[in-house]
Protein backbone atom coordinates (compact mmCIF):
# COMPACT_ATOMS: atom_id res chain seq x y z
CA MET A 1 12.92 53.89 23.78
CA SER A 2 9.38 52.64 23.85
CA GLY A 3 8.94 52.99 20.11
CA VAL A 4 7.14 56.33 19.97
CA SER A 5 6.04 57.57 16.59
CA GLN A 6 8.47 60.53 16.40
CA SER A 7 12.21 60.90 16.79
CA VAL A 8 14.55 63.89 16.92
CA THR A 9 17.73 63.67 14.84
CA PHE A 10 20.85 65.76 15.71
CA ILE A 11 23.82 66.63 13.52
CA ASN A 12 26.72 68.38 15.32
CA ASN A 13 24.46 68.81 18.37
CA SER A 14 21.98 70.88 16.31
CA GLU A 15 18.31 69.96 16.10
CA ILE A 16 17.44 69.91 12.39
CA LEU A 17 14.56 67.49 11.73
CA PHE A 18 11.65 65.69 13.22
CA LEU A 19 11.08 62.21 11.64
CA SER A 20 7.66 60.57 11.62
CA ASP A 21 7.35 56.77 11.22
CA LEU A 22 5.19 56.88 8.12
CA ALA A 23 7.34 54.68 5.89
CA THR A 24 6.21 51.18 5.04
CA PRO A 25 8.34 48.41 6.59
CA SER A 26 9.97 45.91 4.25
CA ASN A 27 10.97 42.27 4.18
CA VAL A 28 12.41 39.73 1.80
CA ILE A 29 11.94 35.98 1.99
CA THR A 30 15.27 34.17 1.70
CA GLY A 31 14.17 30.56 2.02
CA PRO A 32 13.20 27.63 1.91
CA ILE A 33 16.84 26.59 1.83
CA ARG A 34 18.18 23.32 0.50
CA PHE A 35 21.80 22.36 0.97
CA SER A 36 22.48 22.74 -2.75
CA PHE A 37 21.41 26.34 -3.19
CA LEU A 38 19.85 29.43 -1.60
CA THR A 39 16.44 30.30 -3.03
CA PHE A 40 15.13 33.78 -3.62
CA ASN A 41 12.42 32.58 -5.97
CA VAL A 42 8.71 33.31 -5.79
CA SER A 43 7.79 29.70 -6.54
CA PHE A 44 9.16 26.54 -4.97
CA SER A 45 8.33 22.86 -5.40
CA THR A 46 9.07 20.42 -2.63
CA SER A 47 8.05 17.13 -1.07
CA GLU A 48 9.14 18.39 2.36
CA ARG A 49 6.29 18.44 4.85
CA ILE A 50 8.16 20.81 7.16
CA ILE A 51 9.08 24.07 5.40
CA ASN A 52 11.79 26.21 7.00
CA VAL A 53 10.89 29.77 5.97
CA THR A 54 13.59 32.39 6.45
CA TRP A 55 13.33 36.15 5.93
CA ILE A 56 14.90 39.53 6.65
CA GLY A 57 12.74 42.46 7.80
CA TRP A 58 13.54 46.13 8.44
CA ASP A 59 11.91 49.51 8.85
CA SER A 60 12.92 53.09 8.12
CA PRO A 61 13.38 55.20 10.13
CA ILE A 62 14.43 53.25 13.20
CA ILE A 63 13.07 55.17 16.19
CA ASP A 64 15.74 55.93 18.80
CA GLY A 65 17.77 52.99 17.50
CA TYR A 66 14.87 50.67 18.26
CA LEU A 67 13.31 48.51 15.51
CA ASN A 68 9.65 48.20 16.37
CA ILE A 69 8.25 45.58 14.03
CA THR A 70 5.98 42.55 14.17
CA PHE A 71 5.77 39.72 11.64
CA GLN A 72 2.74 37.67 10.73
CA ILE A 73 3.18 34.35 8.91
CA LEU A 74 0.15 33.46 6.83
CA VAL A 75 -0.46 30.14 5.10
CA ASP A 76 -3.15 30.30 2.41
CA SER A 77 -4.27 33.67 3.81
CA GLN A 78 -4.75 32.24 7.30
CA ILE A 79 -2.57 33.47 10.18
CA TYR A 80 -0.19 30.66 11.09
CA ALA A 81 2.06 32.48 13.58
CA GLU A 82 2.90 35.96 14.86
CA ILE A 83 6.44 36.92 15.81
CA ASP A 84 7.69 40.02 17.63
CA GLY A 85 10.79 41.21 15.78
CA SER A 86 11.40 44.34 17.85
CA GLY A 87 14.83 45.09 19.25
CA PHE A 88 17.89 47.32 19.16
CA TYR A 89 19.18 46.35 15.75
CA ASP A 90 18.99 47.57 12.15
CA TYR A 91 17.11 44.57 10.77
CA TYR A 92 15.54 41.36 11.95
CA SER A 93 16.56 37.99 10.53
CA GLY A 94 13.93 35.36 11.20
CA ASN A 95 13.09 31.76 10.51
CA TYR A 96 10.08 29.62 11.25
CA GLN A 97 9.11 26.03 10.49
CA ILE A 98 5.75 25.51 8.85
CA GLN A 99 4.07 22.13 8.52
CA ILE A 100 2.05 21.55 5.35
CA PHE A 101 0.62 18.12 4.65
CA THR A 102 -1.85 18.83 1.84
CA PRO A 103 -0.52 18.35 -1.71
CA GLY A 104 -0.95 21.17 -4.19
CA PHE A 105 -0.12 24.88 -4.27
CA HIS A 106 0.06 26.91 -1.07
CA ASN A 107 0.79 30.59 -0.46
CA ILE A 108 3.16 31.50 2.36
CA THR A 109 3.17 35.19 3.24
CA ILE A 110 5.44 37.16 5.56
CA ALA A 111 3.75 40.42 6.63
CA SER A 112 5.80 43.15 8.32
CA ILE A 113 3.82 45.52 10.60
CA ASP A 114 5.42 48.56 12.23
CA SER A 115 4.33 50.62 15.26
CA GLN A 116 1.94 52.72 13.17
CA GLY A 117 0.24 49.75 11.56
CA ASN A 118 1.99 50.19 8.22
CA ARG A 119 2.08 46.80 6.52
CA TYR A 120 4.22 45.17 3.87
CA SER A 121 3.88 41.58 2.60
CA SER A 122 6.08 39.17 0.67
CA THR A 123 4.62 35.94 -0.68
CA ILE A 124 6.07 32.74 -2.08
CA ILE A 125 4.15 29.91 -3.69
CA ILE A 126 4.93 26.42 -2.42
CA GLU A 127 3.94 23.43 -4.53
CA MET A 128 3.70 20.43 -2.25
CA ILE A 129 4.55 17.30 -4.23
CA GLU A 130 3.22 14.01 -2.93
CA TYR A 131 5.01 10.97 -4.29
CA PRO A 132 2.98 7.75 -4.18
CA SER A 133 3.52 5.38 -1.28
CA PHE A 134 4.80 1.99 -2.27
CA GLN A 135 2.13 -0.70 -1.96
CA TRP A 136 4.03 -3.27 0.05
CA ILE A 137 1.12 -5.64 0.71
CA PRO A 138 0.14 -6.08 -2.98
CA PHE A 139 3.85 -6.32 -3.82
CA PHE A 140 4.44 -9.21 -1.44
CA LEU A 141 1.20 -10.87 -2.57
CA VAL A 142 2.47 -10.77 -6.16
CA ILE A 143 5.83 -12.18 -5.04
CA ALA A 144 4.01 -14.95 -3.17
CA ALA A 145 1.88 -15.70 -6.24
CA ILE A 146 4.99 -15.91 -8.47
CA ILE A 147 6.71 -18.24 -6.01
CA GLY A 148 3.54 -20.34 -5.85
CA ILE A 149 3.40 -20.61 -9.65
CA ILE A 150 7.07 -21.67 -9.79
CA VAL A 151 6.56 -24.30 -7.08
CA LEU A 152 3.43 -25.57 -8.85
CA ALA A 153 5.30 -25.77 -12.16
CA ILE A 154 8.11 -27.76 -10.51
CA VAL A 155 5.60 -30.17 -8.97
CA VAL A 156 3.78 -30.66 -12.29
CA ILE A 157 7.03 -31.23 -14.18
CA ARG A 158 8.25 -33.79 -11.66
CA ARG A 159 4.99 -35.70 -11.88
CA LYS A 160 5.26 -35.71 -15.66
CA GLN A 161 8.83 -36.93 -15.41
CA GLU A 162 7.61 -39.86 -13.36
CA ARG A 163 5.41 -40.74 -16.34
CA GLY A 164 8.28 -40.57 -18.81
CA TYR A 165 8.25 -36.89 -19.79
CA PHE A 166 11.72 -35.35 -19.85
CA THR A 167 12.62 -31.67 -19.62
CA SER A 168 16.06 -30.17 -19.16
CA ILE A 169 15.10 -26.55 -18.46
CA GLY A 170 15.74 -26.88 -14.72
CA THR A 171 19.12 -28.47 -15.37
CA ILE A 172 20.10 -25.63 -17.71
CA VAL A 173 19.06 -22.98 -15.17
CA LYS A 174 21.13 -24.67 -12.45
CA LYS A 175 24.09 -25.05 -14.79
CA GLU A 176 23.94 -21.39 -15.84
CA LEU A 177 23.74 -20.19 -12.25
CA ALA A 178 26.56 -22.51 -11.12
CA GLU A 179 28.86 -21.36 -13.93
CA SER A 180 28.07 -17.68 -13.37
CA LYS A 181 28.71 -17.36 -9.63
CA LYS A 182 31.64 -15.01 -10.16
CA LYS A 183 29.66 -12.96 -12.67
CA LEU A 184 26.76 -12.71 -10.24
CA LEU A 185 29.11 -11.61 -7.46
CA ILE A 186 30.62 -8.91 -9.70
CA LEU A 187 27.17 -7.68 -10.75
CA THR A 188 25.97 -7.59 -7.14
CA VAL A 189 28.97 -5.51 -6.05
CA ILE A 190 28.41 -3.12 -8.97
CA ALA A 191 24.72 -2.87 -8.06
CA ALA A 192 25.49 -2.02 -4.42
CA ALA A 193 28.14 0.58 -5.35
CA PRO A 194 25.77 3.59 -5.77
CA GLY A 195 24.36 3.17 -2.26
CA ILE A 196 27.84 2.78 -0.76
CA ILE A 197 29.01 5.96 -2.52
CA LEU A 198 25.96 7.88 -1.30
CA VAL A 199 26.69 6.85 2.31
CA PHE A 200 29.98 8.75 2.15
CA ILE A 201 28.51 11.70 0.22
CA PHE A 202 25.52 12.17 2.52
CA GLY A 203 27.69 11.62 5.59
CA LEU A 204 30.03 14.42 4.48
CA ILE A 205 27.16 16.78 3.65
CA SER A 206 25.41 16.03 6.94
CA ARG A 207 28.57 16.90 8.88
CA LEU A 208 29.04 20.12 6.90
CA ILE A 209 25.49 21.42 7.42
CA GLY A 210 25.19 20.02 10.95
CA THR A 211 21.71 18.61 10.47
CA SER A 212 19.72 16.06 8.50
CA ILE A 213 19.52 16.39 4.72
CA SER A 214 16.27 17.43 3.08
CA ILE A 215 14.20 14.70 1.49
CA ASP A 216 14.18 16.67 -1.79
CA SER A 217 17.97 16.68 -1.96
CA LEU A 218 18.09 12.96 -1.18
CA ARG A 219 15.58 12.22 -3.91
CA ASP A 220 17.50 14.30 -6.47
CA MET A 221 20.83 12.66 -5.66
CA VAL A 222 19.39 9.15 -5.62
CA SER A 223 17.64 9.79 -8.95
CA LEU A 224 20.90 10.96 -10.53
CA PHE A 225 22.94 8.04 -9.18
CA PHE A 226 20.28 5.47 -10.06
CA ASN A 227 19.95 6.70 -13.64
CA LEU A 228 23.72 6.51 -14.09
CA PHE A 229 23.64 3.05 -12.53
CA ILE A 230 20.95 1.82 -14.93
CA TYR A 231 22.85 3.06 -17.98
CA TYR A 232 26.25 1.68 -17.06
CA PHE A 233 25.03 -1.40 -15.22
CA GLY A 234 22.87 -2.23 -18.24
CA MET A 235 25.95 -1.97 -20.41
CA ALA A 236 27.95 -4.12 -17.97
CA PHE A 237 25.13 -6.65 -17.84
CA SER A 238 25.09 -6.83 -21.65
CA ILE A 239 28.84 -7.36 -21.84
CA ILE A 240 29.39 -9.62 -18.82
CA VAL A 241 26.34 -11.85 -18.97
CA GLY A 242 23.90 -11.65 -21.81
CA ALA A 243 25.23 -10.68 -25.20
CA GLY A 244 27.61 -13.60 -25.68
CA SER A 245 25.60 -16.26 -23.88
CA VAL A 246 23.97 -17.97 -26.85
CA ILE A 247 26.25 -16.87 -29.67
CA ASN A 248 29.34 -18.15 -27.82
CA ALA A 249 27.60 -21.48 -27.25
CA LYS A 250 27.13 -21.69 -31.01
CA LYS A 251 30.78 -20.99 -31.72
CA ASN A 252 32.45 -23.19 -29.11
CA GLY A 253 30.32 -26.23 -29.86
CA THR A 254 28.44 -26.24 -26.55
CA LEU A 255 25.15 -25.83 -28.36
CA SER A 256 25.77 -28.84 -30.59
CA TRP A 257 26.68 -30.91 -27.54
CA PHE A 258 23.45 -29.88 -25.79
CA PHE A 259 21.34 -30.73 -28.79
CA SER A 260 22.95 -34.16 -29.08
CA LYS A 261 21.06 -34.82 -25.84
CA PRO A 262 17.28 -34.86 -25.44
CA VAL A 263 17.22 -31.05 -25.06
CA ARG A 264 14.67 -28.94 -26.87
CA ARG A 265 15.89 -25.65 -28.34
CA TRP A 266 13.38 -23.53 -26.48
CA GLU A 267 14.41 -25.20 -23.21
CA PHE A 268 18.03 -24.26 -23.78
CA LEU A 269 17.09 -20.65 -24.56
CA TRP A 270 14.59 -20.23 -21.74
CA GLY A 271 16.89 -21.90 -19.25
CA LYS A 272 19.33 -19.07 -19.87
CA ILE A 273 16.53 -16.48 -19.78
CA PHE A 274 15.31 -17.66 -16.38
CA ALA A 275 18.88 -17.59 -15.08
CA PHE A 276 19.24 -14.00 -16.33
CA PHE A 277 16.00 -13.07 -14.54
CA VAL A 278 17.52 -14.43 -11.32
CA PHE A 279 20.61 -12.26 -11.92
CA VAL A 280 18.44 -9.19 -12.49
CA THR A 281 16.34 -9.80 -9.36
CA ILE A 282 19.32 -10.37 -7.05
CA THR A 283 21.25 -7.36 -8.34
CA MET A 284 18.24 -5.04 -8.09
CA ILE A 285 17.60 -6.16 -4.52
CA ALA A 286 21.24 -5.30 -3.74
CA SER A 287 20.92 -1.93 -5.47
CA SER A 288 17.65 -0.84 -3.83
CA VAL A 289 18.71 -2.01 -0.35
CA SER A 290 22.07 -0.21 -0.62
CA LEU A 291 20.34 3.00 -1.73
CA ILE A 292 17.87 2.79 1.17
CA LEU A 293 20.71 2.32 3.65
CA GLY A 294 22.62 5.14 1.97
CA CYS A 295 19.78 7.57 2.71
CA ILE A 296 17.91 6.43 5.79
CA PHE A 297 20.52 7.51 8.36
CA TYR A 298 20.76 11.09 7.07
CA VAL A 299 17.12 12.13 6.86
CA ASP A 300 14.62 13.36 9.42
CA PRO A 301 12.85 10.30 10.96
CA ILE A 302 9.45 11.49 9.68
CA TYR A 303 10.68 10.76 6.14
CA VAL A 304 11.79 7.16 6.79
CA PRO A 305 8.54 5.80 5.22
CA ASP A 306 9.31 7.93 2.14
CA ILE A 307 12.78 6.42 1.87
CA LEU A 308 11.39 2.89 2.17
CA SER A 309 8.79 3.63 -0.52
CA MET A 310 11.50 5.09 -2.74
CA GLY A 311 13.52 1.88 -2.31
CA GLY A 312 10.54 -0.22 -3.36
CA TYR A 313 10.01 1.88 -6.47
CA LEU A 314 13.71 1.79 -7.34
CA PHE A 315 13.49 -2.00 -7.29
CA LEU A 316 10.50 -1.90 -9.67
CA ILE A 317 12.17 0.64 -11.97
CA GLY A 318 15.26 -1.55 -12.10
CA LEU A 319 13.17 -4.56 -13.08
CA MET A 320 11.30 -2.50 -15.68
CA ALA A 321 14.65 -1.44 -17.15
CA LEU A 322 16.64 -4.66 -17.03
CA ILE A 323 13.98 -7.23 -17.94
CA PRO A 324 13.28 -5.63 -21.38
CA LEU A 325 17.04 -5.17 -21.77
CA THR A 326 17.49 -8.87 -21.05
CA ALA A 327 14.97 -9.66 -23.76
CA ILE A 328 16.83 -7.44 -26.26
CA VAL A 329 20.20 -8.95 -25.30
CA VAL A 330 18.90 -12.53 -25.62
CA PHE A 331 17.34 -11.68 -28.98
CA CYS A 332 20.62 -10.27 -30.32
CA SER A 333 22.66 -13.17 -28.96
CA SER A 334 20.24 -15.72 -30.43
CA VAL A 335 19.72 -14.19 -33.87
CA PHE A 336 23.04 -12.61 -34.85
CA LYS A 337 25.85 -14.79 -36.08
CA LYS A 338 28.61 -12.27 -35.31
CA THR A 339 29.58 -11.64 -31.72
CA GLY A 340 30.26 -7.95 -32.40
CA LEU A 341 26.65 -7.28 -33.38
CA ALA A 342 25.38 -9.10 -30.31
CA TYR A 343 27.33 -6.64 -28.15
CA PHE A 344 26.94 -3.56 -30.31
CA VAL A 345 23.15 -3.39 -30.68
CA PRO A 346 22.21 -3.44 -26.94
CA ILE A 347 24.88 -0.84 -26.16
CA MET A 348 23.58 1.37 -28.98
CA ILE A 349 20.02 1.08 -27.69
CA LEU A 350 21.02 1.85 -24.11
CA ILE A 351 23.86 4.38 -24.43
CA ALA A 352 24.22 5.90 -27.90
CA LEU A 353 20.66 6.49 -29.15
CA PRO A 354 19.01 8.25 -26.15
CA PRO A 355 21.16 11.43 -26.29
CA ILE A 356 20.50 11.73 -30.03
CA ILE A 357 16.76 11.09 -29.75
CA SER A 358 16.44 13.63 -26.92
CA PHE A 359 17.01 16.46 -29.44
CA LEU A 360 14.41 15.30 -31.95
CA PRO A 361 11.35 16.82 -30.19
CA MET A 362 12.73 20.28 -31.04
CA VAL A 363 12.93 19.25 -34.69
CA VAL A 364 9.48 17.67 -35.10
CA ARG A 365 7.77 19.91 -32.47
CA SER A 366 6.48 16.82 -30.65
CA GLU A 367 7.80 14.36 -28.09
CA TRP A 368 6.69 11.26 -30.01
CA PRO A 369 10.32 10.41 -31.08
CA LEU A 370 11.00 9.72 -27.40
CA LEU A 371 8.96 6.54 -27.77
CA LEU A 372 12.04 5.19 -29.57
CA SER A 373 14.29 5.94 -26.59
CA PHE A 374 14.58 3.05 -24.15
CA THR A 375 15.86 5.28 -21.35
CA PHE A 376 12.96 7.73 -21.73
CA TYR A 377 10.56 5.22 -20.20
CA ILE A 378 12.84 4.59 -17.22
CA GLU A 379 13.34 8.30 -16.57
CA GLU A 380 9.59 8.96 -16.74
CA LEU A 381 8.98 6.28 -14.11
CA GLY A 382 11.66 7.92 -11.99
CA LYS A 383 9.96 11.32 -12.30
CA GLU A 384 6.67 9.90 -11.10
CA TRP A 385 8.01 7.70 -8.29
CA VAL A 386 11.40 9.04 -7.15
CA SER A 387 12.18 12.64 -8.12
CA THR A 388 10.64 15.18 -10.49
CA SER A 389 14.17 16.35 -11.34
CA GLY A 390 14.17 13.76 -14.11
CA GLY A 391 17.08 11.89 -15.63
CA LEU A 392 19.96 12.49 -17.99
CA PHE A 393 18.68 11.76 -21.47
CA GLY A 394 15.01 12.69 -21.34
CA SER A 395 13.53 15.20 -23.72
CA LEU A 396 15.50 18.39 -24.28
CA GLY A 397 12.37 19.84 -25.83
CA GLY A 398 11.94 22.19 -22.90
CA PHE A 399 14.85 24.21 -24.26
CA GLY A 400 12.74 24.85 -27.34
CA GLU A 401 10.67 27.32 -25.36
CA ALA A 402 13.69 29.62 -25.26
CA PHE A 403 13.46 29.77 -29.07
CA GLY A 404 9.69 30.22 -29.13
CA LEU A 405 8.97 26.61 -30.12
CA THR A 406 5.80 24.84 -29.03
CA ILE A 407 6.37 21.13 -28.46
CA THR A 408 3.49 18.71 -27.97
CA PRO A 409 4.20 16.62 -24.86
CA LEU A 410 3.67 12.92 -24.37
CA ASN A 411 1.22 12.17 -21.60
CA LEU A 412 2.22 8.71 -20.40
CA ASN A 413 1.41 7.51 -16.91
CA ALA A 414 3.23 4.74 -15.06
CA THR A 415 0.74 2.06 -16.13
CA SER A 416 1.16 2.93 -19.83
CA ILE A 417 4.95 2.85 -19.55
CA ILE A 418 4.94 -0.53 -17.79
CA LEU A 419 2.63 -1.98 -20.46
CA ILE A 420 4.92 -0.67 -23.22
CA LEU A 421 8.02 -2.14 -21.57
CA MET A 422 6.31 -5.47 -20.98
CA GLY A 423 5.19 -5.43 -24.61
CA ILE A 424 8.80 -4.90 -25.71
CA THR A 425 9.85 -7.82 -23.51
CA VAL A 426 7.22 -10.17 -24.93
CA VAL A 427 7.96 -9.22 -28.56
CA PHE A 428 11.72 -9.72 -28.26
CA LEU A 429 11.52 -12.95 -26.26
CA ALA A 430 8.87 -14.42 -28.58
CA SER A 431 10.90 -13.41 -31.64
CA ALA A 432 14.09 -14.84 -30.15
CA THR A 433 12.36 -18.15 -29.36
CA PHE A 434 10.78 -18.42 -32.82
CA LEU A 435 13.93 -17.53 -34.77
CA PHE A 436 16.19 -19.67 -32.58
CA ARG A 437 14.02 -22.73 -33.26
CA LYS A 438 14.20 -22.09 -37.03
CA GLN A 439 17.94 -21.46 -37.26
CA ASP A 440 20.38 -23.80 -38.91
CA LEU A 441 22.96 -24.50 -36.25
CA PRO A 442 26.48 -25.86 -36.84
């Protein structure tokens, strides 16, 4: 009963064998566990700072029905905790929470030790992922600087108007916003929809598992929903707001009426562009706030700063996606004479081309074709800032490894991607302005 090293076994009341506890005890690590799956892997990546390690340990033979076993939990070869697993049962099922705050790879070992000092160890490798914290102070300083520039521009223009200079860009912006109130309301509701849906999904999951949801699972779900939102909201934005804005004004005579007044062509175009930027900003605020509220009530309080940072980055990713898309939409609406092309080209760029381009790295053995995919840049920003799970239409080159293919990766950081997207914006807006000023209008 006290866990002695020998035991007598009887069959039909006959003494037949003496058993010595010389066998090595065993264990198997069955966690970390996320609500989406049970892991038995030897390697695990997570941004969780509290790791719930679960395991099952046993020994053979069990002396007098008594399992005499001790477990040591080691983190990076250092003893983190020691647990007595002895008792009158066939195996011990244990769990222990480990706090790891240092990014990088860490070894977590469960060592089983029986009464004779026999030892058996199982080890998993945990990769702690540290997503960057959103820089709120610089962000608000930039916002303040932009507001200051706008106010300064308004003051300068008004002073020039007092001296006889006339500009209609402000009037056009106001007119566009006033006429598009219903469109803006529709876009705002669409933008808030992903967060509202996640509230119900996370609420259901939280009730089913009876505890808060892991930050990794929240990041993965938000990344999936946000990528879908960008694709389909971008398409809705193109159809509802942008693609027909200029080309319809050409067809219905509005443009001719405007130009019968003292309105410069670039003022008409940029008045609409500034109005579209207001649409994009308002809708992305609605989207990021709804996603924050959809997550923040279902996560452990220690991860609230992570959720807030994720919301800030979602806002930036949305701007990085929709501002270049606005430039492309305005370009198509300004240059093309047929309404169909003005709608078709942005939708092709956003929806049709990315799935096709995603296969090309396996053909050319390099990821450079992804530079032609608009959604690739957005998904790469999401991987760096929101979730490493990626998006929907990134490179499928990883599947090439199953066929023995070596594919040269693209090494783009967030700064490079932002510069590329801003470059696309400048090129399309500059081209739209130049070509619109040179066009023969009816």
